[in-house]
Amino acid sequence: MPKAIRFHRIGGPEVLQWDEVQLDDPGPGQARIRHIAVGLNYIDVYHRIGLYPLPLPSGIGLEGAGVVEAVGAGVTNVKAGDRVAYASPPIGAYCETRNITADRLVNLPGGISFEQGAAMMLQGMTTQYLIKRTYKVQPGDTVLWHAAAGGVGLIACQWLAALGVTVIGTAGSDEKAKLAKAHGCHHTVNYRRENFVERVKDITRGAGVPVVYDSVGKDTYEGSLECLRPFGMLVNFGNASGSMPPVDIAKICKGTLYLTRPSLMPYTAKREDLVATAKDLFDMVLSGKIRIEINQKYALDDAAQAQRDLEARKTTGSTILLP
């Protein structure tokens, strides 16, 4: 029987178990995929701790890459033997083999490895919708990106630089700041010893930025609002430091600001949007404008340690799990 990481109660990384699972033949509209690599993302932690509750017991993980082994009735977009990747529910990517809705799969181009595919689908497509749909950046813009040395951050720094956008990026150490700078971040701020609000005001000569991309949440929320120019937008897409506080609408009204809390899944819910978003990402990687940094690899059955390191902010770039 194939094995998978599952959890039967919410809690710390220790609740993750390496279980045998029953796997039936793929049903109508499904494909069975054998994973070569699985992606690790902060949303996995949110599921494990119950911030985003799941019915228990549950699998975990939203992203993987591998080979199609079989398809169910009515499936036409993939076939046995295809190289594919995905970043989509149903949750349960931390596994050796699984069945998944076939229209959530995209074919991996020949120039992209399974490991790259597993490392970049969720983070890369998140970057795509954030900078091209949630707030459509323009050449000449200056933006603030928190956690610039993280998986999404490193992709975003490269993509934004390629679009002619100036990036101010925050990081938690000088080493992480150097990493962000090496990936296109123009101005780096070590938030442990620098006030990022003051730095943004200095860099922009008091004008502020039109958009802040913030996956940190509680610790950066107030400062992020202060960095915005009038009519600016705070895009909160994560809670690495904890849940966001209740919103005081007066603080937003004071600067005539906008606040949004987007997520990837609605942006890729339609098959045509999923394919277009993935193609845009693949094209950027194949062109060499974005390189995918896989800086950590763990055995799949060591997923608990991978999540410990992620929560402790010991990781940079992308992390993958190998079955």
Foldseek 3Di string as FASTA:
>chain_A
DWWFWWAAAADALVRTDTGDDDADQAEPQKWKWFFQWAFDDVVQNCDRNCVPDDPPGDAAGFWTWGFTCQYYPPDDQDGGGFTWIAGHDPGHRLIRMHMDRVLRIDGDDPVADRHNRNFQQFLQLVLLCVCPPVPPDAAPFEEEEEQLQAANNLQNQLVCVVRNYAYEYEDQDPVSQVNSVVSRHPHYHNVVPDPVLVVLCVVVVNQAGQEYEAAQAQVCVVSRLSRHHQQHEYEHAHHLPHHHDPDDVVSCVVRVYHYDHDHSCVQPVDSVSSNVSVVVSSVCVVVVSHDQDAPEEEASSVVSVVVVCVSVVVDGHIYMHGD
